[in-house]
Amino acid sequence: MTAVAIIAGCVLLLVLAFLLPRLSRHPERGAHKTLGAGSRTAGKAPGPLGRLFSKPFRSSSRALGRSGSAGRRARGKMPF
């Protein structure tokens, strides 16, 4: 269920970044904030479990960032 939400967020952010590049920054920051809070909370687990539990949040945040930047980059390459 979480993976589906992350994929949907990536697609939504990609489309939003392509159509409205400047306005896509705010939702991207909100997603980073939410996933960052989850990563910080999961990272408080003792020992190596903290790194293991926070990794999905970090990789999801990175995927959302790449999705947004790819949409803005594609928009910049358009001829009009």
PDB file of N, CA and C in Angstrom:
ATOM      1  N   MET A   1       0.818  -1.194   0.000  1.00  0.00           N
ATOM      2  CA  MET A   1       0.000   0.000   0.000  1.00  0.00           C
ATOM      3  C   MET A   1       0.863   1.260   0.000  1.00  0.00           C
ATOM      4  N   THR A   2       1.924   1.241   0.767  1.00  0.00           N
ATOM      5  CA  THR A   2       2.815   2.394   0.834  1.00  0.00           C
ATOM      6  C   THR A   2       3.525   2.609  -0.494  1.00  0.00           C
ATOM      7  N   ALA A   3       3.921   1.506  -1.119  1.00  0.00           N
ATOM      8  CA  ALA A   3       4.617   1.616  -2.404  1.00  0.00           C
ATOM      9  C   ALA A   3       3.709   2.242  -3.456  1.00  0.00           C
ATOM     10  N   VAL A   4       2.446   1.887  -3.433  1.00  0.00           N
ATOM     11  CA  VAL A   4       1.495   2.462  -4.384  1.00  0.00           C
ATOM     12  C   VAL A   4       1.354   3.964  -4.149  1.00  0.00           C
ATOM     13  N   ALA A   5       1.328   4.373  -2.900  1.00  0.00           N
ATOM     14  CA  ALA A   5       1.218   5.798  -2.580  1.00  0.00           C
ATOM     15  C   ALA A   5       2.459   6.570  -3.047  1.00  0.00           C
ATOM     16  N   ILE A   6       3.637   5.979  -2.874  1.00  0.00           N
ATOM     17  CA  ILE A   6       4.870   6.636  -3.308  1.00  0.00           C
ATOM     18  C   ILE A   6       4.902   6.746  -4.827  1.00  0.00           C
ATOM     19  N   ILE A   7       4.505   5.685  -5.521  1.00  0.00           N
ATOM     20  CA  ILE A   7       4.493   5.711  -6.985  1.00  0.00           C
ATOM     21  C   ILE A   7       3.489   6.751  -7.484  1.00  0.00           C
ATOM     22  N   ALA A   8       2.318   6.795  -6.857  1.00  0.00           N
ATOM     23  CA  ALA A   8       1.320   7.795  -7.244  1.00  0.00           C
ATOM     24  C   ALA A   8       1.833   9.208  -6.984  1.00  0.00           C
ATOM     25  N   GLY A   9       2.535   9.398  -5.880  1.00  0.00           N
ATOM     26  CA  GLY A   9       3.128  10.702  -5.575  1.00  0.00           C
ATOM     27  C   GLY A   9       4.179  11.101  -6.596  1.00  0.00           C
ATOM     28  N   CYS A  10       4.985  10.136  -7.021  1.00  0.00           N
ATOM     29  CA  CYS A  10       6.010  10.412  -8.037  1.00  0.00           C
ATOM     30  C   CYS A  10       5.372  10.828  -9.361  1.00  0.00           C
ATOM     31  N   VAL A  11       4.351  10.101  -9.765  1.00  0.00           N
ATOM     32  CA  VAL A  11       3.682  10.420 -11.029  1.00  0.00           C
ATOM     33  C   VAL A  11       3.006  11.785 -10.939  1.00  0.00           C
ATOM     34  N   LEU A  12       2.333  12.034  -9.835  1.00  0.00           N
ATOM     35  CA  LEU A  12       1.665  13.320  -9.647  1.00  0.00           C
ATOM     36  C   LEU A  12       2.669  14.464  -9.643  1.00  0.00           C
ATOM     37  N   LEU A  13       3.783  14.270  -8.971  1.00  0.00           N
ATOM     38  CA  LEU A  13       4.805  15.310  -8.908  1.00  0.00           C
ATOM     39  C   LEU A  13       5.468  15.515 -10.269  1.00  0.00           C
ATOM     40  N   LEU A  14       5.653  14.446 -11.030  1.00  0.00           N
ATOM     41  CA  LEU A  14       6.238  14.553 -12.363  1.00  0.00           C
ATOM     42  C   LEU A  14       5.338  15.383 -13.277  1.00  0.00           C
ATOM     43  N   VAL A  15       4.047  15.090 -13.261  1.00  0.00           N
ATOM     44  CA  VAL A  15       3.100  15.829 -14.096  1.00  0.00           C
ATOM     45  C   VAL A  15       2.995  17.280 -13.636  1.00  0.00           C
ATOM     46  N   LEU A  16       2.913  17.486 -12.348  1.00  0.00           N
ATOM     47  CA  LEU A  16       2.818  18.843 -11.812  1.00  0.00           C
ATOM     48  C   LEU A  16       4.070  19.653 -12.143  1.00  0.00           C
ATOM     49  N   ALA A  17       5.246  19.033 -12.036  1.00  0.00           N
ATOM     50  CA  ALA A  17       6.495  19.732 -12.338  1.00  0.00           C
ATOM     51  C   ALA A  17       6.598  20.053 -13.825  1.00  0.00           C
ATOM     52  N   PHE A  18       6.021  19.202 -14.666  1.00  0.00           N
ATOM     53  CA  PHE A  18       6.060  19.477 -16.097  1.00  0.00           C
ATOM     54  C   PHE A  18       5.106  20.614 -16.466  1.00  0.00           C
ATOM     55  N   LEU A  19       3.916  20.602 -15.873  1.00  0.00           N
ATOM     56  CA  LEU A  19       2.918  21.612 -16.222  1.00  0.00           C
ATOM     57  C   LEU A  19       3.160  22.949 -15.527  1.00  0.00           C
ATOM     58  N   LEU A  20       3.492  22.906 -14.247  1.00  0.00           N
ATOM     59  CA  LEU A  20       3.681  24.119 -13.447  1.00  0.00           C
ATOM     60  C   LEU A  20       4.984  24.004 -12.647  1.00  0.00           C
ATOM     61  N   PRO A  21       6.130  24.256 -13.290  1.00  0.00           N
ATOM     62  CA  PRO A  21       7.414  23.997 -12.625  1.00  0.00           C
ATOM     63  C   PRO A  21       7.616  24.748 -11.306  1.00  0.00           C
ATOM     64  N   ARG A  22       7.232  26.007 -11.262  1.00  0.00           N
ATOM     65  CA  ARG A  22       7.461  26.767 -10.028  1.00  0.00           C
ATOM     66  C   ARG A  22       6.515  26.349  -8.913  1.00  0.00           C
ATOM     67  N   LEU A  23       5.295  26.021  -9.281  1.00  0.00           N
ATOM     68  CA  LEU A  23       4.315  25.648  -8.267  1.00  0.00           C
ATOM     69  C   LEU A  23       4.502  24.215  -7.771  1.00  0.00           C
ATOM     70  N   SER A  24       5.371  23.455  -8.403  1.00  0.00           N
ATOM     71  CA  SER A  24       5.585  22.075  -7.966  1.00  0.00           C
ATOM     72  C   SER A  24       6.553  21.989  -6.790  1.00  0.00           C
ATOM     73  N   ARG A  25       7.250  23.059  -6.508  1.00  0.00           N
ATOM     74  CA  ARG A  25       8.239  23.029  -5.417  1.00  0.00           C
ATOM     75  C   ARG A  25       7.583  22.853  -4.050  1.00  0.00           C
ATOM     76  N   HIS A  26       6.460  23.491  -3.838  1.00  0.00           N
ATOM     77  CA  HIS A  26       5.811  23.428  -2.529  1.00  0.00           C
ATOM     78  C   HIS A  26       5.319  22.012  -2.200  1.00  0.00           C
ATOM     79  N   PRO A  27       4.619  21.330  -3.106  1.00  0.00           N
ATOM     80  CA  PRO A  27       4.234  19.946  -2.794  1.00  0.00           C
ATOM     81  C   PRO A  27       5.445  19.016  -2.621  1.00  0.00           C
ATOM     82  N   GLU A  28       6.501  19.293  -3.373  1.00  0.00           N
ATOM     83  CA  GLU A  28       7.711  18.473  -3.232  1.00  0.00           C
ATOM     84  C   GLU A  28       8.333  18.670  -1.852  1.00  0.00           C
ATOM     85  N   ARG A  29       8.381  19.907  -1.390  1.00  0.00           N
ATOM     86  CA  ARG A  29       8.913  20.167  -0.044  1.00  0.00           C
ATOM     87  C   ARG A  29       8.048  19.523   1.021  1.00  0.00           C
ATOM     88  N   GLY A  30       6.735  19.563   0.828  1.00  0.00           N
ATOM     89  CA  GLY A  30       5.833  18.928   1.783  1.00  0.00           C
ATOM     90  C   GLY A  30       6.052  17.426   1.862  1.00  0.00           C
ATOM     91  N   ALA A  31       6.266  16.805   0.718  1.00  0.00           N
ATOM     92  CA  ALA A  31       6.523  15.367   0.695  1.00  0.00           C
ATOM     93  C   ALA A  31       7.853  15.050   1.370  1.00  0.00           C
ATOM     94  N   HIS A  32       8.872  15.881   1.109  1.00  0.00           N
ATOM     95  CA  HIS A  32      10.170  15.674   1.755  1.00  0.00           C
ATOM     96  C   HIS A  32      10.060  15.833   3.268  1.00  0.00           C
ATOM     97  N   LYS A  33       9.257  16.796   3.691  1.00  0.00           N
ATOM     98  CA  LYS A  33       9.063  17.032   5.121  1.00  0.00           C
ATOM     99  C   LYS A  33       8.406  15.824   5.789  1.00  0.00           C
ATOM    100  N   THR A  34       7.376  15.299   5.143  1.00  0.00           N
ATOM    101  CA  THR A  34       6.655  14.153   5.686  1.00  0.00           C
ATOM    102  C   THR A  34       7.544  12.918   5.748  1.00  0.00           C
ATOM    103  N   LEU A  35       8.237  12.649   4.659  1.00  0.00           N
ATOM    104  CA  LEU A  35       9.109  11.473   4.641  1.00  0.00           C
ATOM    105  C   LEU A  35      10.321  11.658   5.551  1.00  0.00           C
ATOM    106  N   GLY A  36      10.779  12.891   5.691  1.00  0.00           N
ATOM    107  CA  GLY A  36      11.891  13.158   6.602  1.00  0.00           C
ATOM    108  C   GLY A  36      11.504  12.896   8.048  1.00  0.00           C
ATOM    109  N   ALA A  37      10.278  13.247   8.400  1.00  0.00           N
ATOM    110  CA  ALA A  37       9.815  12.980   9.761  1.00  0.00           C
ATOM    111  C   ALA A  37       9.736  11.476  10.018  1.00  0.00           C
ATOM    112  N   GLY A  38       9.255  10.731   9.042  1.00  0.00           N
ATOM    113  CA  GLY A  38       9.212   9.275   9.177  1.00  0.00           C
ATOM    114  C   GLY A  38      10.600   8.674   9.296  1.00  0.00           C
ATOM    115  N   SER A  39      11.530   9.214   8.513  1.00  0.00           N
ATOM    116  CA  SER A  39      12.904   8.714   8.560  1.00  0.00           C
ATOM    117  C   SER A  39      13.557   9.010   9.909  1.00  0.00           C
ATOM    118  N   ARG A  40      13.314  10.202  10.420  1.00  0.00           N
ATOM    119  CA  ARG A  40      13.897  10.548  11.729  1.00  0.00           C
ATOM    120  C   ARG A  40      13.315   9.678  12.836  1.00  0.00           C
ATOM    121  N   THR A  41      12.019   9.436  12.770  1.00  0.00           N
ATOM    122  CA  THR A  41      11.378   8.612  13.790  1.00  0.00           C
ATOM    123  C   THR A  41      11.866   7.174  13.708  1.00  0.00           C
ATOM    124  N   ALA A  42      11.954   6.637  12.504  1.00  0.00           N
ATOM    125  CA  ALA A  42      12.411   5.255  12.334  1.00  0.00           C
ATOM    126  C   ALA A  42      13.891   5.124  12.684  1.00  0.00           C
ATOM    127  N   GLY A  43      14.649   6.192  12.481  1.00  0.00           N
ATOM    128  CA  GLY A  43      16.072   6.160  12.781  1.00  0.00           C
ATOM    129  C   GLY A  43      16.384   6.103  14.260  1.00  0.00           C
ATOM    130  N   LYS A  44      15.395   6.310  15.100  1.00  0.00           N
ATOM    131  CA  LYS A  44      15.623   6.266  16.543  1.00  0.00           C
ATOM    132  C   LYS A  44      15.627   4.852  17.098  1.00  0.00           C
ATOM    133  N   ALA A  45      15.370   3.879  16.249  1.00  0.00           N
ATOM    134  CA  ALA A  45      15.440   2.488  16.698  1.00  0.00           C
ATOM    135  C   ALA A  45      16.897   2.171  17.052  1.00  0.00           C
ATOM    136  N   PRO A  46      17.114   1.279  17.996  1.00  0.00           N
ATOM    137  CA  PRO A  46      18.483   1.028  18.458  1.00  0.00           C
ATOM    138  C   PRO A  46      19.337   0.296  17.421  1.00  0.00           C
ATOM    139  N   GLY A  47      20.600   0.688  17.377  1.00  0.00           N
ATOM    140  CA  GLY A  47      21.595  -0.002  16.570  1.00  0.00           C
ATOM    141  C   GLY A  47      21.342   0.067  15.078  1.00  0.00           C
ATOM    142  N   PRO A  48      21.713  -1.005  14.388  1.00  0.00           N
ATOM    143  CA  PRO A  48      21.564  -1.026  12.928  1.00  0.00           C
ATOM    144  C   PRO A  48      20.112  -1.036  12.477  1.00  0.00           C
ATOM    145  N   LEU A  49      19.192  -1.355  13.389  1.00  0.00           N
ATOM    146  CA  LEU A  49      17.780  -1.344  13.020  1.00  0.00           C
ATOM    147  C   LEU A  49      17.317   0.059  12.627  1.00  0.00           C
ATOM    148  N   GLY A  50      17.892   1.082  13.230  1.00  0.00           N
ATOM    149  CA  GLY A  50      17.524   2.449  12.900  1.00  0.00           C
ATOM    150  C   GLY A  50      17.810   2.768  11.446  1.00  0.00           C
ATOM    151  N   ARG A  51      18.989   2.381  10.979  1.00  0.00           N
ATOM    152  CA  ARG A  51      19.335   2.612   9.573  1.00  0.00           C
ATOM    153  C   ARG A  51      18.455   1.779   8.657  1.00  0.00           C
ATOM    154  N   LEU A  52      18.173   0.564   9.074  1.00  0.00           N
ATOM    155  CA  LEU A  52      17.351  -0.334   8.271  1.00  0.00           C
ATOM    156  C   LEU A  52      15.917   0.181   8.157  1.00  0.00           C
ATOM    157  N   PHE A  53      15.367   0.676   9.246  1.00  0.00           N
ATOM    158  CA  PHE A  53      13.987   1.167   9.236  1.00  0.00           C
ATOM    159  C   PHE A  53      13.841   2.504   8.519  1.00  0.00           C
ATOM    160  N   SER A  54      14.877   3.339   8.539  1.00  0.00           N
ATOM    161  CA  SER A  54      14.752   4.665   7.925  1.00  0.00           C
ATOM    162  C   SER A  54      15.090   4.651   6.436  1.00  0.00           C
ATOM    163  N   LYS A  55      15.682   3.561   5.944  1.00  0.00           N
ATOM    164  CA  LYS A  55      16.083   3.509   4.541  1.00  0.00           C
ATOM    165  C   LYS A  55      14.916   3.656   3.566  1.00  0.00           C
ATOM    166  N   PRO A  56      13.768   3.006   3.768  1.00  0.00           N
ATOM    167  CA  PRO A  56      12.664   3.190   2.813  1.00  0.00           C
ATOM    168  C   PRO A  56      12.185   4.640   2.713  1.00  0.00           C
ATOM    169  N   PHE A  57      12.227   5.361   3.817  1.00  0.00           N
ATOM    170  CA  PHE A  57      11.822   6.756   3.791  1.00  0.00           C
ATOM    171  C   PHE A  57      12.818   7.602   3.006  1.00  0.00           C
ATOM    172  N   ARG A  58      14.099   7.333   3.193  1.00  0.00           N
ATOM    173  CA  ARG A  58      15.123   8.081   2.460  1.00  0.00           C
ATOM    174  C   ARG A  58      15.051   7.814   0.968  1.00  0.00           C
ATOM    175  N   SER A  59      14.891   6.543   0.576  1.00  0.00           N
ATOM    176  CA  SER A  59      14.845   6.226  -0.850  1.00  0.00           C
ATOM    177  C   SER A  59      13.564   6.755  -1.489  1.00  0.00           C
ATOM    178  N   SER A  60      12.471   6.765  -0.750  1.00  0.00           N
ATOM    179  CA  SER A  60      11.230   7.329  -1.277  1.00  0.00           C
ATOM    180  C   SER A  60      11.348   8.836  -1.460  1.00  0.00           C
ATOM    181  N   SER A  61      11.988   9.505  -0.528  1.00  0.00           N
ATOM    182  CA  SER A  61      12.196  10.937  -0.632  1.00  0.00           C
ATOM    183  C   SER A  61      13.085  11.259  -1.838  1.00  0.00           C
ATOM    184  N   ARG A  62      14.101  10.457  -2.026  1.00  0.00           N
ATOM    185  CA  ARG A  62      14.996  10.652  -3.168  1.00  0.00           C
ATOM    186  C   ARG A  62      14.244  10.435  -4.481  1.00  0.00           C
ATOM    187  N   ALA A  63      13.359   9.433  -4.525  1.00  0.00           N
ATOM    188  CA  ALA A  63      12.571   9.167  -5.734  1.00  0.00           C
ATOM    189  C   ALA A  63      11.638  10.326  -6.048  1.00  0.00           C
ATOM    190  N   LEU A  64      11.013  10.896  -5.032  1.00  0.00           N
ATOM    191  CA  LEU A  64      10.132  12.047  -5.257  1.00  0.00           C
ATOM    192  C   LEU A  64      10.924  13.251  -5.759  1.00  0.00           C
ATOM    193  N   GLY A  65      12.099  13.462  -5.223  1.00  0.00           N
ATOM    194  CA  GLY A  65      12.943  14.568  -5.684  1.00  0.00           C
ATOM    195  C   GLY A  65      13.380  14.392  -7.123  1.00  0.00           C
ATOM    196  N   ARG A  66      13.738  13.177  -7.474  1.00  0.00           N
ATOM    197  CA  ARG A  66      14.151  12.913  -8.853  1.00  0.00           C
ATOM    198  C   ARG A  66      12.980  13.056  -9.814  1.00  0.00           C
ATOM    199  N   SER A  67      11.819  12.665  -9.386  1.00  0.00           N
ATOM    200  CA  SER A  67      10.638  12.774 -10.229  1.00  0.00           C
ATOM    201  C   SER A  67      10.315  14.238 -10.519  1.00  0.00           C
ATOM    202  N   GLY A  68      10.351  15.058  -9.502  1.00  0.00           N
ATOM    203  CA  GLY A  68      10.090  16.484  -9.687  1.00  0.00           C
ATOM    204  C   GLY A  68      11.135  17.149 -10.553  1.00  0.00           C
ATOM    205  N   SER A  69      12.393  16.826 -10.330  1.00  0.00           N
ATOM    206  CA  SER A  69      13.440  17.459 -11.134  1.00  0.00           C
ATOM    207  C   SER A  69      13.387  16.975 -12.579  1.00  0.00           C
ATOM    208  N   ALA A  70      12.990  15.736 -12.800  1.00  0.00           N
ATOM    209  CA  ALA A  70      12.864  15.233 -14.175  1.00  0.00           C
ATOM    210  C   ALA A  70      11.752  15.965 -14.914  1.00  0.00           C
ATOM    211  N   GLY A  71      10.644  16.246 -14.249  1.00  0.00           N
ATOM    212  CA  GLY A  71       9.564  16.997 -14.879  1.00  0.00           C
ATOM    213  C   GLY A  71       9.981  18.410 -15.223  1.00  0.00           C
ATOM    214  N   ARG A  72      10.695  19.069 -14.312  1.00  0.00           N
ATOM    215  CA  ARG A  72      11.157  20.425 -14.592  1.00  0.00           C
ATOM    216  C   ARG A  72      12.215  20.429 -15.699  1.00  0.00           C
ATOM    217  N   ARG A  73      13.073  19.430 -15.692  1.00  0.00           N
ATOM    218  CA  ARG A  73      14.110  19.334 -16.721  1.00  0.00           C
ATOM    219  C   ARG A  73      13.479  19.092 -18.096  1.00  0.00           C
ATOM    220  N   ALA A  74      12.470  18.237 -18.173  1.00  0.00           N
ATOM    221  CA  ALA A  74      11.777  17.965 -19.433  1.00  0.00           C
ATOM    222  C   ALA A  74      11.053  19.216 -19.925  1.00  0.00           C
ATOM    223  N   ARG A  75      10.469  19.952 -19.014  1.00  0.00           N
ATOM    224  CA  ARG A  75       9.780  21.190 -19.386  1.00  0.00           C
ATOM    225  C   ARG A  75      10.783  22.189 -19.958  1.00  0.00           C
ATOM    226  N   GLY A  76      11.980  22.234 -19.382  1.00  0.00           N
ATOM    227  CA  GLY A  76      13.012  23.153 -19.871  1.00  0.00           C
ATOM    228  C   GLY A  76      13.515  22.817 -21.261  1.00  0.00           C
ATOM    229  N   LYS A  77      13.389  21.572 -21.661  1.00  0.00           N
ATOM    230  CA  LYS A  77      13.861  21.158 -22.986  1.00  0.00           C
ATOM    231  C   LYS A  77      12.815  21.324 -24.085  1.00  0.00           C
ATOM    232  N   MET A  78      11.608  21.702 -23.698  1.00  0.00           N
ATOM    233  CA  MET A  78      10.556  21.889 -24.699  1.00  0.00           C
ATOM    234  C   MET A  78      10.867  23.108 -25.561  1.00  0.00           C
ATOM    235  N   PRO A  79      10.552  23.058 -26.844  1.00  0.00           N
ATOM    236  CA  PRO A  79      10.913  24.168 -27.739  1.00  0.00           C
ATOM    237  C   PRO A  79      10.055  25.420 -27.559  1.00  0.00           C
ATOM    238  N   PHE A  80       8.964  25.367 -26.833  1.00  0.00           N
ATOM    239  CA  PHE A  80       8.114  26.554 -26.704  1.00  0.00           C
ATOM    240  C   PHE A  80       8.171  27.134 -25.347  1.00  0.00           C
TER     241      PHE A  80
END
